Amino acid sequence: MKMFLISDNVDTYTGMRLAGVDGVVIHSKKHLRQQLEKAFADKEIGIVLLTETFGREFPDIIDEVKLKRRLPLIVEIPDRHGTGRDPNFIMNYVNEAIGIKI
């Protein structure tokens, strides 16, 4: 299985290309949907990497894909500016999911 990157910036794309991951750089909702459909059509792609910016800007598309599809796996990654998440986001996620404060 292959990975495929959909990025909002050239730096992340370049870094992933150096690691052997193919991908595209896009900047609009229309192109995001087109590239996701293209990735879904390629049965060799098992993981689609998205920069976190898309998760923040277009949560409707990302949530729809995550809920309705098993494959490929959608993984949001930080871009060159780092993550925009709260430093304790994993703890908060566990608290919300199972109600246990660790």
C-alpha atoms as a PDB file:
ATOM      1  CA  MET A   1       0.000   0.000   0.000  1.00  0.00           C
ATOM      2  CA  LYS A   2       1.078   3.531  -0.739  1.00  0.00           C
ATOM      3  CA  MET A   3       0.677   6.840   1.051  1.00  0.00           C
ATOM      4  CA  PHE A   4      -0.515   9.992  -0.682  1.00  0.00           C
ATOM      5  CA  LEU A   5      -0.147  13.563   0.612  1.00  0.00           C
ATOM      6  CA  ILE A   6      -2.612  16.398   0.116  1.00  0.00           C
ATOM      7  CA  SER A   7      -0.883  19.532   1.378  1.00  0.00           C
ATOM      8  CA  ASP A   8      -1.620  23.229   1.552  1.00  0.00           C
ATOM      9  CA  ASN A   9       2.052  24.222   1.300  1.00  0.00           C
ATOM     10  CA  VAL A  10       5.054  23.366  -0.823  1.00  0.00           C
ATOM     11  CA  ASP A  11       7.435  22.809   2.118  1.00  0.00           C
ATOM     12  CA  THR A  12       5.467  19.883   3.533  1.00  0.00           C
ATOM     13  CA  TYR A  13       5.043  18.474   0.031  1.00  0.00           C
ATOM     14  CA  THR A  14       8.798  18.712  -0.626  1.00  0.00           C
ATOM     15  CA  GLY A  15       9.678  17.028   2.669  1.00  0.00           C
ATOM     16  CA  MET A  16       7.304  14.159   2.013  1.00  0.00           C
ATOM     17  CA  ARG A  17       8.558  13.769  -1.561  1.00  0.00           C
ATOM     18  CA  LEU A  18      12.079  13.399  -0.154  1.00  0.00           C
ATOM     19  CA  ALA A  19      10.690  10.599   2.030  1.00  0.00           C
ATOM     20  CA  GLY A  20       9.171   8.901  -1.029  1.00  0.00           C
ATOM     21  CA  VAL A  21       5.545   9.958  -0.562  1.00  0.00           C
ATOM     22  CA  ASP A  22       3.770  11.268  -3.662  1.00  0.00           C
ATOM     23  CA  GLY A  23       1.230  14.054  -3.345  1.00  0.00           C
ATOM     24  CA  VAL A  24      -0.197  17.385  -4.446  1.00  0.00           C
ATOM     25  CA  VAL A  25      -0.379  20.967  -3.196  1.00  0.00           C
ATOM     26  CA  ILE A  26      -3.845  22.514  -3.309  1.00  0.00           C
ATOM     27  CA  HIS A  27      -5.543  25.603  -1.891  1.00  0.00           C
ATOM     28  CA  SER A  28      -9.303  25.268  -2.390  1.00  0.00           C
ATOM     29  CA  LYS A  29     -12.234  23.201  -1.185  1.00  0.00           C
ATOM     30  CA  LYS A  30     -13.081  22.177  -4.747  1.00  0.00           C
ATOM     31  CA  HIS A  31      -9.587  20.832  -5.377  1.00  0.00           C
ATOM     32  CA  LEU A  32      -9.533  19.067  -1.999  1.00  0.00           C
ATOM     33  CA  ARG A  33     -12.672  17.130  -2.895  1.00  0.00           C
ATOM     34  CA  GLN A  34     -11.273  16.299  -6.364  1.00  0.00           C
ATOM     35  CA  GLN A  35      -7.973  15.021  -4.964  1.00  0.00           C
ATOM     36  CA  LEU A  36      -9.707  12.942  -2.299  1.00  0.00           C
ATOM     37  CA  GLU A  37     -11.902  11.299  -4.954  1.00  0.00           C
ATOM     38  CA  LYS A  38      -8.815  10.646  -7.077  1.00  0.00           C
ATOM     39  CA  ALA A  39      -7.050   9.048  -4.084  1.00  0.00           C
ATOM     40  CA  PHE A  40     -10.107   6.892  -3.315  1.00  0.00           C
ATOM     41  CA  ALA A  41     -10.164   5.633  -6.894  1.00  0.00           C
ATOM     42  CA  ASP A  42      -6.557   4.412  -6.637  1.00  0.00           C
ATOM     43  CA  LYS A  43      -6.785   1.079  -4.807  1.00  0.00           C
ATOM     44  CA  GLU A  44      -3.028   1.088  -4.095  1.00  0.00           C
ATOM     45  CA  ILE A  45      -3.362   4.081  -1.753  1.00  0.00           C
ATOM     46  CA  GLY A  46      -3.913   2.916   1.821  1.00  0.00           C
ATOM     47  CA  ILE A  47      -3.177   6.149   3.710  1.00  0.00           C
ATOM     48  CA  VAL A  48      -3.998   9.728   2.737  1.00  0.00           C
ATOM     49  CA  LEU A  49      -2.006  12.332   4.655  1.00  0.00           C
ATOM     50  CA  LEU A  50      -3.653  15.752   5.012  1.00  0.00           C
ATOM     51  CA  THR A  51      -2.138  18.825   6.581  1.00  0.00           C
ATOM     52  CA  GLU A  52      -4.059  19.954   9.676  1.00  0.00           C
ATOM     53  CA  THR A  53      -5.051  23.163   7.917  1.00  0.00           C
ATOM     54  CA  PHE A  54      -7.601  21.227   5.850  1.00  0.00           C
ATOM     55  CA  GLY A  55      -9.124  19.753   9.001  1.00  0.00           C
ATOM     56  CA  ARG A  56      -9.628  23.253  10.401  1.00  0.00           C
ATOM     57  CA  GLU A  57     -10.772  24.924   7.161  1.00  0.00           C
ATOM     58  CA  PHE A  58     -12.958  22.149   5.720  1.00  0.00           C
ATOM     59  CA  PRO A  59     -14.119  19.960   8.628  1.00  0.00           C
ATOM     60  CA  ASP A  60     -17.325  19.031   6.789  1.00  0.00           C
ATOM     61  CA  ILE A  61     -15.413  17.250   4.001  1.00  0.00           C
ATOM     62  CA  ILE A  62     -12.890  15.588   6.306  1.00  0.00           C
ATOM     63  CA  ASP A  63     -15.510  14.381   8.808  1.00  0.00           C
ATOM     64  CA  GLU A  64     -17.713  13.025   6.013  1.00  0.00           C
ATOM     65  CA  VAL A  65     -14.813  11.048   4.568  1.00  0.00           C
ATOM     66  CA  LYS A  66     -13.724   9.681   7.950  1.00  0.00           C
ATOM     67  CA  LEU A  67     -17.254   8.562   8.837  1.00  0.00           C
ATOM     68  CA  LYS A  68     -18.231   6.997   5.502  1.00  0.00           C
ATOM     69  CA  ARG A  69     -15.028   5.296   4.355  1.00  0.00           C
ATOM     70  CA  ARG A  70     -12.865   2.596   5.882  1.00  0.00           C
ATOM     71  CA  LEU A  71     -10.067   2.884   3.347  1.00  0.00           C
ATOM     72  CA  PRO A  72      -7.940   4.743   2.720  1.00  0.00           C
ATOM     73  CA  LEU A  73      -7.111   5.836   6.234  1.00  0.00           C
ATOM     74  CA  ILE A  74      -7.162   9.640   6.587  1.00  0.00           C
ATOM     75  CA  VAL A  75      -4.392  11.024   8.812  1.00  0.00           C
ATOM     76  CA  GLU A  76      -4.022  14.728   9.606  1.00  0.00           C
ATOM     77  CA  ILE A  77      -0.405  15.812  10.032  1.00  0.00           C
ATOM     78  CA  PRO A  78       1.140  19.097  11.205  1.00  0.00           C
ATOM     79  CA  ASP A  79       2.698  21.295   8.564  1.00  0.00           C
ATOM     80  CA  ARG A  80       5.963  23.233   8.776  1.00  0.00           C
ATOM     81  CA  HIS A  81       4.498  25.598  11.365  1.00  0.00           C
ATOM     82  CA  GLY A  82       3.793  22.752  13.778  1.00  0.00           C
ATOM     83  CA  THR A  83       0.503  21.605  15.179  1.00  0.00           C
ATOM     84  CA  GLY A  84      -2.383  23.915  15.971  1.00  0.00           C
ATOM     85  CA  ARG A  85      -3.732  21.513  18.570  1.00  0.00           C
ATOM     86  CA  ASP A  86      -3.798  21.985  22.311  1.00  0.00           C
ATOM     87  CA  PRO A  87      -0.717  20.350  23.904  1.00  0.00           C
ATOM     88  CA  ASN A  88      -3.043  18.100  25.923  1.00  0.00           C
ATOM     89  CA  PHE A  89      -5.308  17.115  23.043  1.00  0.00           C
ATOM     90  CA  ILE A  90      -4.784  13.368  23.568  1.00  0.00           C
ATOM     91  CA  MET A  91      -5.730  13.606  27.251  1.00  0.00           C
ATOM     92  CA  ASN A  92      -8.777  15.693  26.363  1.00  0.00           C
ATOM     93  CA  TYR A  93      -9.749  13.166  23.690  1.00  0.00           C
ATOM     94  CA  VAL A  94      -9.575  10.301  26.183  1.00  0.00           C
ATOM     95  CA  ASN A  95     -11.606  12.312  28.710  1.00  0.00           C
ATOM     96  CA  GLU A  96     -14.330  12.980  26.142  1.00  0.00           C
ATOM     97  CA  ALA A  97     -14.337   9.449  24.714  1.00  0.00           C
ATOM     98  CA  ILE A  98     -14.481   7.367  27.868  1.00  0.00           C
ATOM     99  CA  GLY A  99     -15.014   9.864  30.665  1.00  0.00           C
ATOM    100  CA  ILE A 100     -11.861   9.031  32.601  1.00  0.00           C
ATOM    101  CA  LYS A 101      -9.524  11.776  33.707  1.00  0.00           C
ATOM    102  CA  ILE A 102      -5.935  10.572  33.711  1.00  0.00           C
END
